[in-house]
């Protein structure tokens, strides 16, 4: 197993990380939004009501991140869960 990342994305069902959101690094945020955008591009349904004119997966993922509804959690190496 490669250890290039100091964190892993773990699928969880509707886990809100509101408390952790302020503690995420910009790299972790980019990984979460990018992973969710990939899911949306592969056909996953959006978790929020989309405003008119928004249909790009990355834009939808950004809106979902801002609304704290992305079902992904960052698990940092060495942290107890």
PDB file of N, CA and C in Angstrom:
ATOM      1  N   UNK A   1       0.849  -1.184   0.000  1.00  0.00           N
ATOM      2  CA  UNK A   1       0.000   0.000   0.000  1.00  0.00           C
ATOM      3  C   UNK A   1       0.888   1.238   0.000  1.00  0.00           C
ATOM      4  N   UNK A   2       0.534   2.201  -0.816  1.00  0.00           N
ATOM      5  CA  UNK A   2       1.315   3.432  -0.902  1.00  0.00           C
ATOM      6  C   UNK A   2       0.921   4.390   0.214  1.00  0.00           C
ATOM      7  N   UNK A   3       1.894   5.060   0.767  1.00  0.00           N
ATOM      8  CA  UNK A   3       1.651   6.007   1.860  1.00  0.00           C
ATOM      9  C   UNK A   3       2.024   7.419   1.426  1.00  0.00           C
ATOM     10  N   UNK A   4       1.552   7.821   0.266  1.00  0.00           N
ATOM     11  CA  UNK A   4       1.867   9.150  -0.226  1.00  0.00           C
ATOM     12  C   UNK A   4       1.006  10.215   0.428  1.00  0.00           C
ATOM     13  N   UNK A   5      -0.157   9.842   0.936  1.00  0.00           N
ATOM     14  CA  UNK A   5      -1.055  10.798   1.553  1.00  0.00           C
ATOM     15  C   UNK A   5      -1.065  10.601   3.059  1.00  0.00           C
ATOM     16  N   UNK A   6      -1.213  11.699   3.787  1.00  0.00           N
ATOM     17  CA  UNK A   6      -1.264  11.597   5.232  1.00  0.00           C
ATOM     18  C   UNK A   6      -2.700  11.436   5.719  1.00  0.00           C
ATOM     19  N   UNK A   7      -3.639  11.262   4.790  1.00  0.00           N
ATOM     20  CA  UNK A   7      -5.028  11.057   5.164  1.00  0.00           C
ATOM     21  C   UNK A   7      -5.690  10.193   4.102  1.00  0.00           C
ATOM     22  N   UNK A   8      -6.812   9.620   4.475  1.00  0.00           N
ATOM     23  CA  UNK A   8      -7.572   8.783   3.555  1.00  0.00           C
ATOM     24  C   UNK A   8      -9.001   9.290   3.530  1.00  0.00           C
ATOM     25  N   UNK A   9      -9.647   9.111   2.397  1.00  0.00           N
ATOM     26  CA  UNK A   9     -11.061   9.430   2.303  1.00  0.00           C
ATOM     27  C   UNK A   9     -11.828   8.138   2.593  1.00  0.00           C
ATOM     28  N   UNK A  10     -12.727   8.203   3.538  1.00  0.00           N
ATOM     29  CA  UNK A  10     -13.498   7.039   3.936  1.00  0.00           C
ATOM     30  C   UNK A  10     -14.974   7.361   3.718  1.00  0.00           C
ATOM     31  N   UNK A  11     -15.676   6.512   2.972  1.00  0.00           N
ATOM     32  CA  UNK A  11     -17.107   6.725   2.760  1.00  0.00           C
ATOM     33  C   UNK A  11     -17.861   6.443   4.047  1.00  0.00           C
ATOM     34  N   UNK A  12     -18.702   7.353   4.416  1.00  0.00           N
ATOM     35  CA  UNK A  12     -19.621   7.186   5.533  1.00  0.00           C
ATOM     36  C   UNK A  12     -20.972   7.723   5.064  1.00  0.00           C
ATOM     37  N   UNK A  13     -22.032   7.288   5.666  1.00  0.00           N
ATOM     38  CA  UNK A  13     -23.357   7.731   5.255  1.00  0.00           C
ATOM     39  C   UNK A  13     -23.692   9.031   5.964  1.00  0.00           C
ATOM     40  N   UNK A  14     -23.783  10.098   5.216  1.00  0.00           N
ATOM     41  CA  UNK A  14     -24.195  11.418   5.686  1.00  0.00           C
ATOM     42  C   UNK A  14     -23.512  11.834   6.988  1.00  0.00           C
ATOM     43  N   UNK A  15     -22.211  11.710   7.043  1.00  0.00           N
ATOM     44  CA  UNK A  15     -21.462  12.149   8.217  1.00  0.00           C
ATOM     45  C   UNK A  15     -21.185  13.642   8.071  1.00  0.00           C
ATOM     46  N   UNK A  16     -21.609  14.394   9.020  1.00  0.00           N
ATOM     47  CA  UNK A  16     -21.359  15.828   8.990  1.00  0.00           C
ATOM     48  C   UNK A  16     -20.075  16.103   9.764  1.00  0.00           C
ATOM     49  N   UNK A  17     -19.174  16.843   9.155  1.00  0.00           N
ATOM     50  CA  UNK A  17     -17.934  17.169   9.839  1.00  0.00           C
ATOM     51  C   UNK A  17     -17.868  18.662  10.116  1.00  0.00           C
ATOM     52  N   UNK A  18     -18.971  19.210  10.620  1.00  0.00           N
ATOM     53  CA  UNK A  18     -19.030  20.643  10.880  1.00  0.00           C
ATOM     54  C   UNK A  18     -17.943  21.073  11.861  1.00  0.00           C
ATOM     55  N   UNK A  19     -17.699  20.279  12.889  1.00  0.00           N
ATOM     56  CA  UNK A  19     -16.679  20.638  13.865  1.00  0.00           C
ATOM     57  C   UNK A  19     -15.287  20.557  13.242  1.00  0.00           C
ATOM     58  N   UNK A  20     -15.082  19.562  12.392  1.00  0.00           N
ATOM     59  CA  UNK A  20     -13.774  19.368  11.782  1.00  0.00           C
ATOM     60  C   UNK A  20     -13.545  20.272  10.580  1.00  0.00           C
ATOM     61  N   UNK A  21     -14.618  20.807  10.004  1.00  0.00           N
ATOM     62  CA  UNK A  21     -14.493  21.578   8.767  1.00  0.00           C
ATOM     63  C   UNK A  21     -13.509  22.731   8.919  1.00  0.00           C
ATOM     64  N   UNK A  22     -13.511  23.387  10.069  1.00  0.00           N
ATOM     65  CA  UNK A  22     -12.595  24.504  10.284  1.00  0.00           C
ATOM     66  C   UNK A  22     -11.149  24.033  10.435  1.00  0.00           C
ATOM     67  N   UNK A  23     -10.953  22.771  10.775  1.00  0.00           N
ATOM     68  CA  UNK A  23      -9.615  22.252  10.994  1.00  0.00           C
ATOM     69  C   UNK A  23      -9.018  21.587   9.765  1.00  0.00           C
ATOM     70  N   UNK A  24      -9.775  21.502   8.675  1.00  0.00           N
ATOM     71  CA  UNK A  24      -9.261  20.863   7.471  1.00  0.00           C
ATOM     72  C   UNK A  24      -8.232  21.762   6.789  1.00  0.00           C
ATOM     73  N   UNK A  25      -7.188  21.135   6.259  1.00  0.00           N
ATOM     74  CA  UNK A  25      -6.221  21.895   5.487  1.00  0.00           C
ATOM     75  C   UNK A  25      -6.781  22.135   4.090  1.00  0.00           C
ATOM     76  N   UNK A  26      -6.176  23.011   3.346  1.00  0.00           N
ATOM     77  CA  UNK A  26      -6.651  23.278   1.986  1.00  0.00           C
ATOM     78  C   UNK A  26      -6.485  22.046   1.102  1.00  0.00           C
ATOM     79  N   UNK A  27      -5.513  21.209   1.419  1.00  0.00           N
ATOM     80  CA  UNK A  27      -5.289  19.991   0.644  1.00  0.00           C
ATOM     81  C   UNK A  27      -6.388  18.964   0.916  1.00  0.00           C
ATOM     82  N   UNK A  28      -6.804  18.861   2.180  1.00  0.00           N
ATOM     83  CA  UNK A  28      -7.882  17.952   2.538  1.00  0.00           C
ATOM     84  C   UNK A  28      -9.202  18.410   1.923  1.00  0.00           C
ATOM     85  N   UNK A  29      -9.445  19.720   1.964  1.00  0.00           N
ATOM     86  CA  UNK A  29     -10.659  20.257   1.347  1.00  0.00           C
ATOM     87  C   UNK A  29     -10.655  19.961  -0.155  1.00  0.00           C
ATOM     88  N   UNK A  30      -9.524  20.165  -0.806  1.00  0.00           N
ATOM     89  CA  UNK A  30      -9.432  19.905  -2.243  1.00  0.00           C
ATOM     90  C   UNK A  30      -9.675  18.425  -2.540  1.00  0.00           C
ATOM     91  N   UNK A  31      -9.168  17.556  -1.688  1.00  0.00           N
ATOM     92  CA  UNK A  31      -9.349  16.113  -1.894  1.00  0.00           C
ATOM     93  C   UNK A  31     -10.808  15.721  -1.717  1.00  0.00           C
ATOM     94  N   UNK A  32     -11.477  16.285  -0.726  1.00  0.00           N
ATOM     95  CA  UNK A  32     -12.882  15.984  -0.481  1.00  0.00           C
ATOM     96  C   UNK A  32     -13.746  16.483  -1.632  1.00  0.00           C
ATOM     97  N   UNK A  33     -13.552  17.742  -2.021  1.00  0.00           N
ATOM     98  CA  UNK A  33     -14.356  18.317  -3.105  1.00  0.00           C
ATOM     99  C   UNK A  33     -14.069  17.588  -4.415  1.00  0.00           C
ATOM    100  N   UNK A  34     -12.809  17.259  -4.664  1.00  0.00           N
ATOM    101  CA  UNK A  34     -12.454  16.530  -5.884  1.00  0.00           C
ATOM    102  C   UNK A  34     -13.048  15.139  -5.923  1.00  0.00           C
ATOM    103  N   UNK A  35     -13.020  14.433  -4.793  1.00  0.00           N
ATOM    104  CA  UNK A  35     -13.596  13.086  -4.734  1.00  0.00           C
ATOM    105  C   UNK A  35     -15.102  13.137  -4.948  1.00  0.00           C
ATOM    106  N   UNK A  36     -15.760  14.126  -4.360  1.00  0.00           N
ATOM    107  CA  UNK A  36     -17.211  14.261  -4.531  1.00  0.00           C
ATOM    108  C   UNK A  36     -17.549  14.661  -5.966  1.00  0.00           C
ATOM    109  N   UNK A  37     -16.747  15.534  -6.564  1.00  0.00           N
ATOM    110  CA  UNK A  37     -16.978  15.920  -7.958  1.00  0.00           C
ATOM    111  C   UNK A  37     -16.849  14.712  -8.879  1.00  0.00           C
ATOM    112  N   UNK A  38     -15.900  13.830  -8.596  1.00  0.00           N
ATOM    113  CA  UNK A  38     -15.748  12.609  -9.383  1.00  0.00           C
ATOM    114  C   UNK A  38     -16.980  11.718  -9.234  1.00  0.00           C
ATOM    115  N   UNK A  39     -17.483  11.593  -8.012  1.00  0.00           N
ATOM    116  CA  UNK A  39     -18.693  10.807  -7.793  1.00  0.00           C
ATOM    117  C   UNK A  39     -19.860  11.377  -8.594  1.00  0.00           C
ATOM    118  N   UNK A  40     -20.010  12.701  -8.565  1.00  0.00           N
ATOM    119  CA  UNK A  40     -21.090  13.345  -9.305  1.00  0.00           C
ATOM    120  C   UNK A  40     -20.925  13.141 -10.807  1.00  0.00           C
ATOM    121  N   UNK A  41     -19.700  13.226 -11.289  1.00  0.00           N
ATOM    122  CA  UNK A  41     -19.437  13.036 -12.716  1.00  0.00           C
ATOM    123  C   UNK A  41     -19.745  11.603 -13.150  1.00  0.00           C
ATOM    124  N   UNK A  42     -19.626  10.662 -12.213  1.00  0.00           N
ATOM    125  CA  UNK A  42     -19.902   9.259 -12.530  1.00  0.00           C
ATOM    126  C   UNK A  42     -21.378   8.902 -12.349  1.00  0.00           C
ATOM    127  N   UNK A  43     -22.202   9.883 -12.011  1.00  0.00           N
ATOM    128  CA  UNK A  43     -23.637   9.653 -11.957  1.00  0.00           C
ATOM    129  C   UNK A  43     -24.286   9.666 -10.592  1.00  0.00           C
ATOM    130  N   UNK A  44     -23.544   9.985  -9.540  1.00  0.00           N
ATOM    131  CA  UNK A  44     -24.135  10.054  -8.199  1.00  0.00           C
ATOM    132  C   UNK A  44     -25.132  11.219  -8.142  1.00  0.00           C
ATOM    133  N   UNK A  45     -26.231  11.053  -7.424  1.00  0.00           N
ATOM    134  CA  UNK A  45     -27.206  12.148  -7.339  1.00  0.00           C
ATOM    135  C   UNK A  45     -26.700  13.258  -6.426  1.00  0.00           C
ATOM    136  N   UNK A  46     -27.006  14.506  -6.754  1.00  0.00           N
ATOM    137  CA  UNK A  46     -26.632  15.614  -5.859  1.00  0.00           C
ATOM    138  C   UNK A  46     -27.395  15.532  -4.546  1.00  0.00           C
ATOM    139  N   UNK A  47     -26.775  15.987  -3.476  1.00  0.00           N
ATOM    140  CA  UNK A  47     -27.379  15.927  -2.151  1.00  0.00           C
ATOM    141  C   UNK A  47     -28.083  17.219  -1.755  1.00  0.00           C
ATOM    142  N   UNK A  48     -28.082  18.197  -2.649  1.00  0.00           N
ATOM    143  CA  UNK A  48     -28.729  19.482  -2.382  1.00  0.00           C
ATOM    144  C   UNK A  48     -29.585  19.848  -3.588  1.00  0.00           C
ATOM    145  N   UNK A  49     -30.482  20.782  -3.374  1.00  0.00           N
ATOM    146  CA  UNK A  49     -31.240  21.352  -4.481  1.00  0.00           C
ATOM    147  C   UNK A  49     -30.298  22.269  -5.252  1.00  0.00           C
ATOM    148  N   UNK A  50     -30.237  22.075  -6.546  1.00  0.00           N
ATOM    149  CA  UNK A  50     -29.304  22.859  -7.356  1.00  0.00           C
ATOM    150  C   UNK A  50     -29.946  24.148  -7.839  1.00  0.00           C
ATOM    151  N   UNK A  51     -29.216  25.260  -7.715  1.00  0.00           N
ATOM    152  CA  UNK A  51     -29.710  26.510  -8.286  1.00  0.00           C
ATOM    153  C   UNK A  51     -29.765  26.390  -9.811  1.00  0.00           C
ATOM    154  N   UNK A  52     -30.563  27.216 -10.406  1.00  0.00           N
ATOM    155  CA  UNK A  52     -30.688  27.199 -11.851  1.00  0.00           C
ATOM    156  C   UNK A  52     -29.354  27.552 -12.504  1.00  0.00           C
ATOM    157  N   UNK A  53     -28.968  26.783 -13.501  1.00  0.00           N
ATOM    158  CA  UNK A  53     -27.741  27.067 -14.241  1.00  0.00           C
ATOM    159  C   UNK A  53     -26.500  26.380 -13.693  1.00  0.00           C
ATOM    160  N   UNK A  54     -26.593  25.714 -12.552  1.00  0.00           N
ATOM    161  CA  UNK A  54     -25.452  24.998 -11.980  1.00  0.00           C
ATOM    162  C   UNK A  54     -25.573  23.531 -12.356  1.00  0.00           C
ATOM    163  N   UNK A  55     -24.621  23.027 -13.122  1.00  0.00           N
ATOM    164  CA  UNK A  55     -24.662  21.619 -13.509  1.00  0.00           C
ATOM    165  C   UNK A  55     -23.285  20.982 -13.589  1.00  0.00           C
ATOM    166  N   UNK A  56     -22.226  21.751 -13.445  1.00  0.00           N
ATOM    167  CA  UNK A  56     -20.871  21.196 -13.462  1.00  0.00           C
ATOM    168  C   UNK A  56     -20.603  20.461 -12.150  1.00  0.00           C
ATOM    169  N   UNK A  57     -20.035  19.259 -12.216  1.00  0.00           N
ATOM    170  CA  UNK A  57     -19.796  18.475 -10.993  1.00  0.00           C
ATOM    171  C   UNK A  57     -18.959  19.211  -9.944  1.00  0.00           C
ATOM    172  N   UNK A  58     -17.942  19.941 -10.378  1.00  0.00           N
ATOM    173  CA  UNK A  58     -17.094  20.641  -9.400  1.00  0.00           C
ATOM    174  C   UNK A  58     -17.873  21.739  -8.685  1.00  0.00           C
ATOM    175  N   UNK A  59     -18.703  22.477  -9.423  1.00  0.00           N
ATOM    176  CA  UNK A  59     -19.497  23.534  -8.805  1.00  0.00           C
ATOM    177  C   UNK A  59     -20.506  22.946  -7.813  1.00  0.00           C
ATOM    178  N   UNK A  60     -21.124  21.830  -8.196  1.00  0.00           N
ATOM    179  CA  UNK A  60     -22.076  21.167  -7.301  1.00  0.00           C
ATOM    180  C   UNK A  60     -21.359  20.678  -6.045  1.00  0.00           C
ATOM    181  N   UNK A  61     -20.166  20.102  -6.215  1.00  0.00           N
ATOM    182  CA  UNK A  61     -19.392  19.617  -5.066  1.00  0.00           C
ATOM    183  C   UNK A  61     -19.010  20.765  -4.138  1.00  0.00           C
ATOM    184  N   UNK A  62     -18.665  21.918  -4.701  1.00  0.00           N
ATOM    185  CA  UNK A  62     -18.353  23.092  -3.869  1.00  0.00           C
ATOM    186  C   UNK A  62     -19.573  23.514  -3.056  1.00  0.00           C
ATOM    187  N   UNK A  63     -20.746  23.541  -3.703  1.00  0.00           N
ATOM    188  CA  UNK A  63     -21.974  23.909  -2.989  1.00  0.00           C
ATOM    189  C   UNK A  63     -22.302  22.903  -1.891  1.00  0.00           C
ATOM    190  N   UNK A  64     -22.101  21.617  -2.175  1.00  0.00           N
ATOM    191  CA  UNK A  64     -22.343  20.595  -1.163  1.00  0.00           C
ATOM    192  C   UNK A  64     -21.366  20.738   0.005  1.00  0.00           C
ATOM    193  N   UNK A  65     -20.122  21.064  -0.290  1.00  0.00           N
ATOM    194  CA  UNK A  65     -19.134  21.262   0.780  1.00  0.00           C
ATOM    195  C   UNK A  65     -19.551  22.437   1.665  1.00  0.00           C
ATOM    196  N   UNK A  66     -19.968  23.522   1.048  1.00  0.00           N
ATOM    197  CA  UNK A  66     -20.387  24.699   1.808  1.00  0.00           C
ATOM    198  C   UNK A  66     -21.624  24.421   2.650  1.00  0.00           C
ATOM    199  N   UNK A  67     -22.480  23.493   2.185  1.00  0.00           N
ATOM    200  CA  UNK A  67     -23.695  23.141   2.917  1.00  0.00           C
ATOM    201  C   UNK A  67     -23.458  22.019   3.933  1.00  0.00           C
ATOM    202  N   UNK A  68     -22.246  21.511   4.037  1.00  0.00           N
ATOM    203  CA  UNK A  68     -21.875  20.456   4.996  1.00  0.00           C
ATOM    204  C   UNK A  68     -22.679  19.167   4.809  1.00  0.00           C
ATOM    205  N   UNK A  69     -22.874  18.745   3.577  1.00  0.00           N
ATOM    206  CA  UNK A  69     -23.641  17.524   3.338  1.00  0.00           C
ATOM    207  C   UNK A  69     -22.838  16.460   2.606  1.00  0.00           C
ATOM    208  N   UNK A  70     -21.570  16.675   2.364  1.00  0.00           N
ATOM    209  CA  UNK A  70     -20.762  15.685   1.655  1.00  0.00           C
ATOM    210  C   UNK A  70     -20.537  14.485   2.578  1.00  0.00           C
ATOM    211  N   UNK A  71     -20.865  13.284   2.100  1.00  0.00           N
ATOM    212  CA  UNK A  71     -20.749  12.092   2.951  1.00  0.00           C
ATOM    213  C   UNK A  71     -19.349  11.489   2.953  1.00  0.00           C
ATOM    214  N   UNK A  72     -18.348  12.300   3.145  1.00  0.00           N
ATOM    215  CA  UNK A  72     -16.957  11.845   3.201  1.00  0.00           C
ATOM    216  C   UNK A  72     -16.305  12.408   4.452  1.00  0.00           C
ATOM    217  N   UNK A  73     -15.388  11.640   4.999  1.00  0.00           N
ATOM    218  CA  UNK A  73     -14.694  12.033   6.220  1.00  0.00           C
ATOM    219  C   UNK A  73     -13.199  11.867   5.997  1.00  0.00           C
ATOM    220  N   UNK A  74     -12.415  12.760   6.555  1.00  0.00           N
ATOM    221  CA  UNK A  74     -10.963  12.647   6.505  1.00  0.00           C
ATOM    222  C   UNK A  74     -10.503  11.895   7.745  1.00  0.00           C
ATOM    223  N   UNK A  75      -9.736  10.852   7.538  1.00  0.00           N
ATOM    224  CA  UNK A  75      -9.135  10.113   8.644  1.00  0.00           C
ATOM    225  C   UNK A  75      -7.642  10.332   8.554  1.00  0.00           C
ATOM    226  N   UNK A  76      -7.102  11.056   9.501  1.00  0.00           N
ATOM    227  CA  UNK A  76      -5.678  11.369   9.481  1.00  0.00           C
ATOM    228  C   UNK A  76      -4.880  10.215  10.054  1.00  0.00           C
ATOM    229  N   UNK A  77      -3.696  10.041   9.514  1.00  0.00           N
ATOM    230  CA  UNK A  77      -2.803   8.980   9.964  1.00  0.00           C
ATOM    231  C   UNK A  77      -2.386   9.242  11.414  1.00  0.00           C
ATOM    232  N   UNK A  78      -2.541   8.248  12.247  1.00  0.00           N
ATOM    233  CA  UNK A  78      -2.109   8.376  13.631  1.00  0.00           C
ATOM    234  C   UNK A  78      -3.172   8.891  14.572  1.00  0.00           C
ATOM    235  N   UNK A  79      -4.320   9.363  14.043  1.00  0.00           N
ATOM    236  CA  UNK A  79      -5.387   9.839  14.909  1.00  0.00           C
ATOM    237  C   UNK A  79      -6.276   8.692  15.330  1.00  0.00           C
ATOM    238  N   UNK A  80      -6.747   8.740  16.551  1.00  0.00           N
ATOM    239  CA  UNK A  80      -7.695   7.745  17.025  1.00  0.00           C
ATOM    240  C   UNK A  80      -9.086   8.142  16.570  1.00  0.00           C
ATOM    241  N   UNK A  81      -9.868   7.145  16.126  1.00  0.00           N
ATOM    242  CA  UNK A  81     -11.233   7.441  15.668  1.00  0.00           C
ATOM    243  C   UNK A  81     -12.255   6.970  16.667  1.00  0.00           C
TER     244      UNK A  81
END
